[in-house]
C-alpha atoms as a PDB file:
ATOM      1  CA  UNK A   1       0.000   0.000   0.000  1.00  0.00           C
ATOM      2  CA  UNK A   2       2.758   2.562   0.814  1.00  0.00           C
ATOM      3  CA  UNK A   3       4.384   1.819  -2.559  1.00  0.00           C
ATOM      4  CA  UNK A   4       1.053   2.354  -4.337  1.00  0.00           C
ATOM      5  CA  UNK A   5       0.528   5.725  -2.636  1.00  0.00           C
ATOM      6  CA  UNK A   6       4.092   6.755  -3.544  1.00  0.00           C
ATOM      7  CA  UNK A   7       3.574   5.875  -7.216  1.00  0.00           C
ATOM      8  CA  UNK A   8       0.240   7.729  -7.253  1.00  0.00           C
ATOM      9  CA  UNK A   9       1.856  10.804  -5.677  1.00  0.00           C
ATOM     10  CA  UNK A  10       4.657  10.833  -8.263  1.00  0.00           C
ATOM     11  CA  UNK A  11       2.235  10.462 -11.181  1.00  0.00           C
ATOM     12  CA  UNK A  12      -0.030  13.223  -9.925  1.00  0.00           C
ATOM     13  CA  UNK A  13       2.841  15.647  -9.317  1.00  0.00           C
ATOM     14  CA  UNK A  14       3.988  15.081 -12.913  1.00  0.00           C
ATOM     15  CA  UNK A  15       0.436  15.891 -14.021  1.00  0.00           C
ATOM     16  CA  UNK A  16       0.525  19.098 -11.956  1.00  0.00           C
ATOM     17  CA  UNK A  17       3.689  20.275 -13.707  1.00  0.00           C
ATOM     18  CA  UNK A  18       2.088  19.601 -17.091  1.00  0.00           C
ATOM     19  CA  UNK A  19      -1.016  21.648 -16.184  1.00  0.00           C
ATOM     20  CA  UNK A  20       0.756  24.634 -14.591  1.00  0.00           C
ATOM     21  CA  UNK A  21       0.318  27.661 -16.848  1.00  0.00           C
ATOM     22  CA  UNK A  22       3.107  30.246 -17.304  1.00  0.00           C
ATOM     23  CA  UNK A  23       2.377  33.917 -16.708  1.00  0.00           C
ATOM     24  CA  UNK A  24       4.174  37.246 -16.494  1.00  0.00           C
ATOM     25  CA  UNK A  25       3.854  39.396 -13.394  1.00  0.00           C
ATOM     26  CA  UNK A  26       6.593  41.982 -13.731  1.00  0.00           C
ATOM     27  CA  UNK A  27       7.317  45.203 -15.568  1.00  0.00           C
ATOM     28  CA  UNK A  28      10.130  43.244 -17.236  1.00  0.00           C
ATOM     29  CA  UNK A  29       7.541  42.290 -19.844  1.00  0.00           C
ATOM     30  CA  UNK A  30       8.015  45.802 -21.211  1.00  0.00           C
ATOM     31  CA  UNK A  31      11.731  45.302 -21.896  1.00  0.00           C
ATOM     32  CA  UNK A  32      12.912  44.885 -25.493  1.00  0.00           C
ATOM     33  CA  UNK A  33      11.857  41.545 -26.939  1.00  0.00           C
ATOM     34  CA  UNK A  34      15.491  40.665 -27.648  1.00  0.00           C
ATOM     35  CA  UNK A  35      16.448  41.082 -23.962  1.00  0.00           C
ATOM     36  CA  UNK A  36      17.284  37.619 -22.595  1.00  0.00           C
ATOM     37  CA  UNK A  37      16.110  38.680 -19.120  1.00  0.00           C
ATOM     38  CA  UNK A  38      12.502  38.575 -20.384  1.00  0.00           C
ATOM     39  CA  UNK A  39      12.734  34.883 -21.251  1.00  0.00           C
ATOM     40  CA  UNK A  40      14.579  34.199 -18.009  1.00  0.00           C
ATOM     41  CA  UNK A  41      11.763  35.887 -16.090  1.00  0.00           C
ATOM     42  CA  UNK A  42       9.117  33.818 -17.919  1.00  0.00           C
ATOM     43  CA  UNK A  43      10.937  30.604 -16.974  1.00  0.00           C
ATOM     44  CA  UNK A  44      11.236  31.786 -13.374  1.00  0.00           C
ATOM     45  CA  UNK A  45       7.514  32.562 -13.081  1.00  0.00           C
ATOM     46  CA  UNK A  46       6.588  29.273 -14.781  1.00  0.00           C
ATOM     47  CA  UNK A  47       8.667  27.405 -12.193  1.00  0.00           C
ATOM     48  CA  UNK A  48       7.046  29.388  -9.351  1.00  0.00           C
ATOM     49  CA  UNK A  49       3.506  28.597 -10.553  1.00  0.00           C
ATOM     50  CA  UNK A  50       4.373  24.915 -10.926  1.00  0.00           C
ATOM     51  CA  UNK A  51       5.876  24.858  -7.433  1.00  0.00           C
ATOM     52  CA  UNK A  52       2.754  26.336  -5.817  1.00  0.00           C
ATOM     53  CA  UNK A  53       0.443  23.887  -7.569  1.00  0.00           C
ATOM     54  CA  UNK A  54       2.697  20.964  -6.669  1.00  0.00           C
ATOM     55  CA  UNK A  55       2.872  22.099  -3.039  1.00  0.00           C
ATOM     56  CA  UNK A  56      -0.916  22.368  -2.824  1.00  0.00           C
ATOM     57  CA  UNK A  57      -1.430  18.915  -4.306  1.00  0.00           C
ATOM     58  CA  UNK A  58       1.316  17.259  -2.252  1.00  0.00           C
ATOM     59  CA  UNK A  59      -0.128  18.776   0.942  1.00  0.00           C
ATOM     60  CA  UNK A  60      -3.573  17.405   0.136  1.00  0.00           C
ATOM     61  CA  UNK A  61      -2.163  13.955  -0.723  1.00  0.00           C
ATOM     62  CA  UNK A  62      -0.384  13.951   2.633  1.00  0.00           C
ATOM     63  CA  UNK A  63      -3.815  13.668   4.274  1.00  0.00           C
ATOM     64  CA  UNK A  64      -4.745  10.416   2.511  1.00  0.00           C
ATOM     65  CA  UNK A  65      -6.100   8.009   5.110  1.00  0.00           C
ATOM     66  CA  UNK A  66      -7.372  10.654   7.554  1.00  0.00           C
ATOM     67  CA  UNK A  67     -10.870   9.561   8.654  1.00  0.00           C
ATOM     68  CA  UNK A  68     -14.037  11.455   7.757  1.00  0.00           C
ATOM     69  CA  UNK A  69     -15.613  13.404  10.589  1.00  0.00           C
ATOM     70  CA  UNK A  70     -18.595  15.686  10.231  1.00  0.00           C
ATOM     71  CA  UNK A  71     -17.593  19.240  11.154  1.00  0.00           C
ATOM     72  CA  UNK A  72     -13.899  18.294  11.257  1.00  0.00           C
ATOM     73  CA  UNK A  73     -11.186  20.464   9.779  1.00  0.00           C
ATOM     74  CA  UNK A  74      -7.921  19.011  11.095  1.00  0.00           C
ATOM     75  CA  UNK A  75      -5.920  15.823  10.651  1.00  0.00           C
ATOM     76  CA  UNK A  76      -6.055  15.224  14.400  1.00  0.00           C
ATOM     77  CA  UNK A  77      -9.839  14.861  14.605  1.00  0.00           C
ATOM     78  CA  UNK A  78     -10.687  14.174  10.960  1.00  0.00           C
ATOM     79  CA  UNK A  79     -12.207  16.086   8.045  1.00  0.00           C
ATOM     80  CA  UNK A  80     -15.512  16.559   6.342  1.00  0.00           C
ATOM     81  CA  UNK A  81     -15.346  17.586   2.666  1.00  0.00           C
ATOM     82  CA  UNK A  82     -15.335  21.370   3.045  1.00  0.00           C
ATOM     83  CA  UNK A  83     -13.210  21.231   6.210  1.00  0.00           C
ATOM     84  CA  UNK A  84     -10.588  19.317   4.246  1.00  0.00           C
ATOM     85  CA  UNK A  85     -10.513  21.901   1.436  1.00  0.00           C
ATOM     86  CA  UNK A  86     -10.375  24.765   3.942  1.00  0.00           C
ATOM     87  CA  UNK A  87      -7.479  23.188   5.849  1.00  0.00           C
ATOM     88  CA  UNK A  88      -5.396  22.449   2.724  1.00  0.00           C
ATOM     89  CA  UNK A  89      -5.705  25.983   1.362  1.00  0.00           C
ATOM     90  CA  UNK A  90      -5.046  27.615   4.702  1.00  0.00           C
ATOM     91  CA  UNK A  91      -2.007  25.474   5.500  1.00  0.00           C
ATOM     92  CA  UNK A  92      -0.502  25.648   2.009  1.00  0.00           C
ATOM     93  CA  UNK A  93      -1.285  29.141   0.713  1.00  0.00           C
ATOM     94  CA  UNK A  94      -2.511  30.965   3.823  1.00  0.00           C
ATOM     95  CA  UNK A  95      -5.913  31.566   2.196  1.00  0.00           C
ATOM     96  CA  UNK A  96      -8.949  31.315   4.472  1.00  0.00           C
ATOM     97  CA  UNK A  97     -11.938  29.903   2.595  1.00  0.00           C
ATOM     98  CA  UNK A  98     -15.536  29.849   3.871  1.00  0.00           C
ATOM     99  CA  UNK A  99     -16.517  26.815   5.929  1.00  0.00           C
ATOM    100  CA  UNK A 100     -19.337  25.268   3.872  1.00  0.00           C
ATOM    101  CA  UNK A 101     -19.086  23.781   0.378  1.00  0.00           C
ATOM    102  CA  UNK A 102     -21.814  26.009  -1.095  1.00  0.00           C
ATOM    103  CA  UNK A 103     -20.111  29.081   0.387  1.00  0.00           C
ATOM    104  CA  UNK A 104     -16.796  28.016  -1.118  1.00  0.00           C
ATOM    105  CA  UNK A 105     -18.481  27.731  -4.525  1.00  0.00           C
ATOM    106  CA  UNK A 106     -20.047  31.179  -4.159  1.00  0.00           C
ATOM    107  CA  UNK A 107     -16.765  32.881  -3.203  1.00  0.00           C
ATOM    108  CA  UNK A 108     -14.560  31.463  -5.985  1.00  0.00           C
ATOM    109  CA  UNK A 109     -14.291  31.877  -9.764  1.00  0.00           C
ATOM    110  CA  UNK A 110     -16.126  29.554 -12.138  1.00  0.00           C
ATOM    111  CA  UNK A 111     -14.075  27.480 -14.609  1.00  0.00           C
ATOM    112  CA  UNK A 112     -15.176  24.853 -17.101  1.00  0.00           C
ATOM    113  CA  UNK A 113     -14.291  21.199 -16.741  1.00  0.00           C
ATOM    114  CA  UNK A 114     -11.956  21.532 -19.724  1.00  0.00           C
ATOM    115  CA  UNK A 115     -10.092  24.365 -17.964  1.00  0.00           C
ATOM    116  CA  UNK A 116      -9.422  22.412 -14.760  1.00  0.00           C
ATOM    117  CA  UNK A 117      -5.956  22.817 -13.261  1.00  0.00           C
ATOM    118  CA  UNK A 118      -4.442  21.191 -10.161  1.00  0.00           C
ATOM    119  CA  UNK A 119      -5.669  22.994  -7.064  1.00  0.00           C
ATOM    120  CA  UNK A 120      -9.080  23.922  -8.512  1.00  0.00           C
ATOM    121  CA  UNK A 121     -12.173  22.949  -6.545  1.00  0.00           C
ATOM    122  CA  UNK A 122     -14.645  20.411  -7.929  1.00  0.00           C
ATOM    123  CA  UNK A 123     -18.242  20.328  -6.675  1.00  0.00           C
ATOM    124  CA  UNK A 124     -20.914  17.666  -6.669  1.00  0.00           C
ATOM    125  CA  UNK A 125     -24.604  17.326  -5.917  1.00  0.00           C
ATOM    126  CA  UNK A 126     -24.660  14.384  -3.489  1.00  0.00           C
ATOM    127  CA  UNK A 127     -27.535  15.470  -1.236  1.00  0.00           C
ATOM    128  CA  UNK A 128     -30.103  16.607  -3.818  1.00  0.00           C
ATOM    129  CA  UNK A 129     -28.858  20.175  -3.533  1.00  0.00           C
ATOM    130  CA  UNK A 130     -26.254  22.080  -5.501  1.00  0.00           C
ATOM    131  CA  UNK A 131     -22.671  22.221  -4.239  1.00  0.00           C
ATOM    132  CA  UNK A 132     -23.280  19.799  -1.377  1.00  0.00           C
ATOM    133  CA  UNK A 133     -19.868  18.119  -1.768  1.00  0.00           C
ATOM    134  CA  UNK A 134     -16.403  19.453  -2.671  1.00  0.00           C
ATOM    135  CA  UNK A 135     -12.943  18.113  -3.445  1.00  0.00           C
ATOM    136  CA  UNK A 136      -9.614  19.356  -4.843  1.00  0.00           C
ATOM    137  CA  UNK A 137      -8.579  18.559  -8.416  1.00  0.00           C
ATOM    138  CA  UNK A 138      -5.092  17.017  -8.493  1.00  0.00           C
ATOM    139  CA  UNK A 139      -4.603  16.524 -12.239  1.00  0.00           C
ATOM    140  CA  UNK A 140      -4.953  13.589 -14.627  1.00  0.00           C
ATOM    141  CA  UNK A 141      -8.754  13.603 -14.254  1.00  0.00           C
ATOM    142  CA  UNK A 142      -8.590  12.866 -10.531  1.00  0.00           C
ATOM    143  CA  UNK A 143      -9.579  14.660  -7.331  1.00  0.00           C
ATOM    144  CA  UNK A 144      -8.969  14.202  -3.616  1.00  0.00           C
ATOM    145  CA  UNK A 145     -11.686  14.558  -0.986  1.00  0.00           C
ATOM    146  CA  UNK A 146     -13.132  13.447   2.344  1.00  0.00           C
ATOM    147  CA  UNK A 147     -16.035  11.324   1.017  1.00  0.00           C
ATOM    148  CA  UNK A 148     -18.470  10.285   3.758  1.00  0.00           C
ATOM    149  CA  UNK A 149     -18.845   8.926   7.316  1.00  0.00           C
ATOM    150  CA  UNK A 150     -16.918   5.692   7.746  1.00  0.00           C
ATOM    151  CA  UNK A 151     -14.523   6.523   4.881  1.00  0.00           C
ATOM    152  CA  UNK A 152     -11.121   8.210   4.703  1.00  0.00           C
ATOM    153  CA  UNK A 153      -9.555  10.969   2.597  1.00  0.00           C
ATOM    154  CA  UNK A 154      -8.810   9.405  -0.794  1.00  0.00           C
ATOM    155  CA  UNK A 155      -8.191  10.091  -4.490  1.00  0.00           C
ATOM    156  CA  UNK A 156     -10.903   9.223  -7.022  1.00  0.00           C
ATOM    157  CA  UNK A 157     -11.505   9.691 -10.734  1.00  0.00           C
ATOM    158  CA  UNK A 158     -13.965  12.220 -12.147  1.00  0.00           C
ATOM    159  CA  UNK A 159     -14.717   9.610 -14.818  1.00  0.00           C
ATOM    160  CA  UNK A 160     -16.315   7.251 -12.290  1.00  0.00           C
ATOM    161  CA  UNK A 161     -20.037   7.086 -13.057  1.00  0.00           C
ATOM    162  CA  UNK A 162     -21.174   8.143  -9.575  1.00  0.00           C
ATOM    163  CA  UNK A 163     -19.105  11.347  -9.589  1.00  0.00           C
ATOM    164  CA  UNK A 164     -19.537  12.123 -13.282  1.00  0.00           C
ATOM    165  CA  UNK A 165     -23.336  12.118 -12.954  1.00  0.00           C
ATOM    166  CA  UNK A 166     -23.233  14.351  -9.881  1.00  0.00           C
ATOM    167  CA  UNK A 167     -20.559  16.792 -11.081  1.00  0.00           C
ATOM    168  CA  UNK A 168     -21.817  20.274 -10.288  1.00  0.00           C
ATOM    169  CA  UNK A 169     -19.061  22.501 -11.653  1.00  0.00           C
ATOM    170  CA  UNK A 170     -15.541  23.693 -10.895  1.00  0.00           C
ATOM    171  CA  UNK A 171     -14.124  26.784  -9.266  1.00  0.00           C
ATOM    172  CA  UNK A 172     -10.715  28.459  -9.051  1.00  0.00           C
ATOM    173  CA  UNK A 173      -9.522  30.080  -5.859  1.00  0.00           C
ATOM    174  CA  UNK A 174      -8.264  33.594  -6.570  1.00  0.00           C
ATOM    175  CA  UNK A 175      -7.858  36.240  -3.903  1.00  0.00           C
ATOM    176  CA  UNK A 176      -8.082  39.918  -4.870  1.00  0.00           C
ATOM    177  CA  UNK A 177      -4.348  40.372  -5.359  1.00  0.00           C
ATOM    178  CA  UNK A 178      -4.166  37.247  -7.540  1.00  0.00           C
ATOM    179  CA  UNK A 179      -7.018  38.543  -9.708  1.00  0.00           C
ATOM    180  CA  UNK A 180      -5.270  41.892 -10.131  1.00  0.00           C
ATOM    181  CA  UNK A 181      -2.029  40.107 -11.038  1.00  0.00           C
ATOM    182  CA  UNK A 182      -3.859  38.082 -13.675  1.00  0.00           C
ATOM    183  CA  UNK A 183      -5.322  41.254 -15.191  1.00  0.00           C
ATOM    184  CA  UNK A 184      -1.888  42.901 -15.252  1.00  0.00           C
ATOM    185  CA  UNK A 185      -0.432  39.772 -16.856  1.00  0.00           C
ATOM    186  CA  UNK A 186      -2.976  39.887 -19.679  1.00  0.00           C
ATOM    187  CA  UNK A 187      -2.206  43.559 -20.364  1.00  0.00           C
ATOM    188  CA  UNK A 188       1.537  42.839 -20.376  1.00  0.00           C
ATOM    189  CA  UNK A 189       1.144  39.983 -22.835  1.00  0.00           C
ATOM    190  CA  UNK A 190      -0.903  42.200 -25.173  1.00  0.00           C
ATOM    191  CA  UNK A 191       1.751  44.913 -24.970  1.00  0.00           C
ATOM    192  CA  UNK A 192       4.544  42.377 -25.524  1.00  0.00           C
ATOM    193  CA  UNK A 193       2.718  40.999 -28.562  1.00  0.00           C
ATOM    194  CA  UNK A 194       2.412  44.530 -29.953  1.00  0.00           C
ATOM    195  CA  UNK A 195       6.148  45.090 -29.479  1.00  0.00           C
ATOM    196  CA  UNK A 196       6.905  41.904 -31.417  1.00  0.00           C
ATOM    197  CA  UNK A 197       4.643  43.022 -34.299  1.00  0.00           C
ATOM    198  CA  UNK A 198       6.147  46.529 -34.364  1.00  0.00           C
ATOM    199  CA  UNK A 199       9.667  45.070 -34.269  1.00  0.00           C
ATOM    200  CA  UNK A 200       8.895  42.817 -37.225  1.00  0.00           C
ATOM    201  CA  UNK A 201       7.486  45.752 -39.223  1.00  0.00           C
ATOM    202  CA  UNK A 202      10.557  47.892 -38.460  1.00  0.00           C
ATOM    203  CA  UNK A 203      12.889  45.093 -39.508  1.00  0.00           C
ATOM    204  CA  UNK A 204      10.984  44.653 -42.784  1.00  0.00           C
ATOM    205  CA  UNK A 205      11.104  48.419 -43.433  1.00  0.00           C
ATOM    206  CA  UNK A 206      14.862  48.625 -42.776  1.00  0.00           C
ATOM    207  CA  UNK A 207      15.536  45.599 -45.015  1.00  0.00           C
ATOM    208  CA  UNK A 208      13.522  47.161 -47.830  1.00  0.00           C
ATOM    209  CA  UNK A 209      15.233  50.511 -47.392  1.00  0.00           C
ATOM    210  CA  UNK A 210      18.651  48.848 -47.509  1.00  0.00           C
ATOM    211  CA  UNK A 211      17.710  46.957 -50.678  1.00  0.00           C
ATOM    212  CA  UNK A 212      16.512  50.195 -52.340  1.00  0.00           C
ATOM    213  CA  UNK A 213      19.782  51.933 -51.437  1.00  0.00           C
ATOM    214  CA  UNK A 214      21.832  49.154 -53.023  1.00  0.00           C
ATOM    215  CA  UNK A 215      19.663  49.304 -56.145  1.00  0.00           C
ATOM    216  CA  UNK A 216      20.171  53.089 -56.464  1.00  0.00           C
ATOM    217  CA  UNK A 217      23.936  52.753 -56.069  1.00  0.00           C
ATOM    218  CA  UNK A 218      24.079  50.166 -58.877  1.00  0.00           C
ATOM    219  CA  UNK A 219      22.042  52.325 -61.237  1.00  0.00           C
ATOM    220  CA  UNK A 220      24.372  55.285 -60.618  1.00  0.00           C
END
């Protein structure tokens, strides 16, 4: 069993790295496109994003085997579904989420199933009401959660019929500063793209001008 958990952990962490999306979050995006520090910064941010996602997933996987307990939100006494999510986010990223699953859904940003990334929240209708159960997506079509009384924290597949039929949507946890950073990133990427286009136009103009000069010299 320990070997199986170890293999699962390794596979899921590889999946996290594959899902982690690169982003820019510095004024360095406004440097000349040819400046190598821009590419170095992109690689640095990509590594940082991957690290955070991996840390979140590895923390959650560290709770595998903790028993379910209604109202619980610690490894010492056990977890219920929303208490588990709350504890993982607070311990890993220092973010304090609401206590109930429906409140967690209401306070986070909606994403489609196709957009799921490790660390996103996945919700299910298990009690004939929306957002009555929650887990954390860990990549590779799997999620980790505290299922029900008598069970323990475990990893399951979203493809399993029971969960697939009851899937109620996904959410991404973004605090205000993270949202602002995302907006700044988008603006920087647009500006960087514009610089690349302008640079290409200038290069074409200079090449044409040089060719015209050579042609004039030959005719003289």
